[in-house]
Protein backbone atom coordinates (compact mmCIF):
# COMPACT_ATOMS: atom_id res chain seq x y z
CA MET A 1 149.54 -120.15 -6.59
CA ALA A 2 146.56 -117.44 -8.13
CA LYS A 3 143.51 -116.89 -5.81
CA LYS A 4 140.60 -119.17 -7.33
CA TYR A 5 137.10 -117.69 -7.50
CA LEU A 6 133.74 -120.32 -6.94
CA LEU A 7 130.77 -118.58 -9.01
CA PHE A 8 127.22 -120.41 -9.09
CA SER A 9 125.43 -119.96 -12.34
CA TYR A 10 121.91 -120.64 -12.74
CA GLY A 11 121.80 -119.27 -16.30
CA THR A 12 123.41 -118.09 -19.35
CA LEU A 13 126.89 -118.72 -18.18
CA GLN A 14 126.72 -122.24 -18.08
CA LEU A 15 125.94 -122.65 -21.72
CA GLU A 16 129.28 -123.03 -23.89
CA PRO A 17 129.30 -120.79 -26.25
CA VAL A 18 128.93 -117.82 -23.83
CA GLN A 19 131.95 -119.42 -21.59
CA GLN A 20 133.81 -119.78 -25.01
CA GLN A 21 132.95 -115.98 -25.58
CA THR A 22 133.68 -115.04 -22.16
CA TYR A 23 136.51 -116.94 -20.66
CA GLY A 24 138.25 -118.13 -23.99
CA ARG A 25 137.54 -121.78 -22.16
CA LEU A 26 134.80 -124.47 -21.27
CA LEU A 27 134.40 -123.98 -17.21
CA ALA A 28 134.33 -127.24 -15.14
CA GLY A 29 132.16 -127.02 -12.51
CA SER A 30 129.67 -129.03 -9.59
CA LYS A 31 125.87 -128.95 -9.58
CA ASP A 32 124.45 -127.17 -6.63
CA THR A 33 121.16 -125.07 -5.51
CA LEU A 34 120.64 -122.45 -3.79
CA GLN A 35 117.85 -121.92 -0.89
CA GLY A 36 115.71 -119.30 -0.26
CA TYR A 37 115.80 -117.74 -3.65
CA LYS A 38 113.77 -118.08 -6.84
CA ILE A 39 113.90 -117.25 -11.11
CA GLU A 40 112.26 -114.08 -12.45
CA GLN A 41 113.04 -113.64 -15.99
CA LEU A 42 114.88 -110.64 -17.06
CA GLU A 43 114.78 -108.69 -20.66
CA ILE A 44 117.75 -108.29 -22.26
CA THR A 45 118.84 -104.83 -23.73
CA ASP A 46 122.78 -104.77 -23.90
CA SER A 47 123.66 -105.24 -27.59
CA GLU A 48 127.18 -107.04 -26.13
CA VAL A 49 125.33 -109.09 -23.57
CA LEU A 50 122.57 -110.11 -26.46
CA LYS A 51 124.76 -110.99 -28.88
CA THR A 52 127.12 -113.48 -26.77
CA SER A 53 124.11 -115.31 -25.39
CA ASN A 54 121.65 -115.10 -28.51
CA GLN A 55 118.76 -114.87 -26.02
CA ARG A 56 116.54 -111.98 -25.48
CA PHE A 57 115.95 -113.13 -21.81
CA HIS A 58 118.04 -114.35 -18.63
CA PRO A 59 116.85 -115.46 -15.73
CA ILE A 60 117.52 -113.54 -12.54
CA ALA A 61 117.42 -114.79 -9.10
CA ILE A 62 115.36 -112.76 -6.38
CA LYS A 63 115.86 -113.16 -2.93
CA THR A 64 112.35 -114.37 -0.97
CA GLY A 65 113.87 -116.00 1.64
CA ASN A 66 111.20 -119.06 1.98
CA LEU A 67 113.49 -122.28 1.81
CA ASN A 68 110.93 -124.22 -0.01
CA ASP A 69 112.33 -121.75 -2.76
CA CYS A 70 115.24 -122.96 -5.10
CA VAL A 71 117.64 -122.12 -7.40
CA ASP A 72 119.44 -124.96 -9.51
CA GLY A 73 122.66 -124.72 -10.84
CA MET A 74 126.54 -124.98 -11.42
CA ILE A 75 129.62 -123.74 -9.15
CA PHE A 76 132.66 -122.80 -11.25
CA GLU A 77 136.16 -122.29 -10.40
CA LEU A 78 137.32 -118.97 -12.08
CA THR A 79 140.24 -116.60 -11.98
CA GLU A 80 139.99 -113.16 -10.60
CA LYS A 81 140.74 -111.73 -14.33
CA GLU A 82 137.45 -114.38 -15.03
CA ILE A 83 135.30 -113.00 -12.28
CA LEU A 84 135.88 -109.51 -13.64
CA GLN A 85 135.26 -110.41 -17.05
CA THR A 86 131.67 -112.29 -15.40
CA ASP A 87 131.51 -108.36 -14.09
CA LYS A 88 131.43 -106.59 -17.52
CA TYR A 89 129.47 -109.92 -18.98
CA GLU A 90 125.91 -108.91 -16.44
CA VAL A 91 124.41 -106.20 -16.92
CA SER A 92 123.46 -103.63 -14.41
CA ASP A 93 120.25 -104.93 -12.85
CA TYR A 94 122.38 -107.78 -11.43
CA VAL A 95 124.66 -107.67 -8.27
CA ARG A 96 127.06 -110.37 -7.35
CA ILE A 97 126.77 -111.01 -3.94
CA LEU A 98 128.48 -114.32 -1.79
CA GLU A 99 125.90 -116.63 -0.64
CA THR A 100 126.45 -120.26 1.11
CA PHE A 101 124.74 -123.17 -0.99
CA LEU A 102 123.30 -126.43 -0.28
CA SER A 103 126.49 -128.13 -0.06
CA GLY A 104 128.04 -125.84 2.02
CA LYS A 105 130.22 -124.27 -0.48
CA LYS A 106 130.53 -120.62 -0.60
CA ALA A 107 129.94 -119.24 -4.13
CA TRP A 108 129.34 -115.66 -5.45
CA ILE A 109 126.42 -115.40 -7.36
CA TYR A 110 124.63 -112.28 -9.49
CA VAL A 111 121.11 -111.88 -8.19
CA SER A 112 118.65 -108.79 -8.36
CA GLN A 113 119.66 -105.71 -7.27
């Protein structure tokens, strides 16, 4: 059986057109929350990402360490191929790390470098 990867999305990867363009399917997921982070806006200049998301500004999670700061989003289940496709979609301002969410699940998340 293929390994599954859990990925937390708080931004454009929740959009159906982005999922269809990036993975060729819609993702199933569950709502979750990450504590100790806040959202800021990042201006996107990568033409492929702009074309896919149709949004000039994307949210980016910044670690604050303050448990009152929370980021809401969705945890999706991806294949290894899909997590690598996500790495290509996310611009270099983001880095993928493993975090623990309010539900207790561990999932990958793209945050500020």
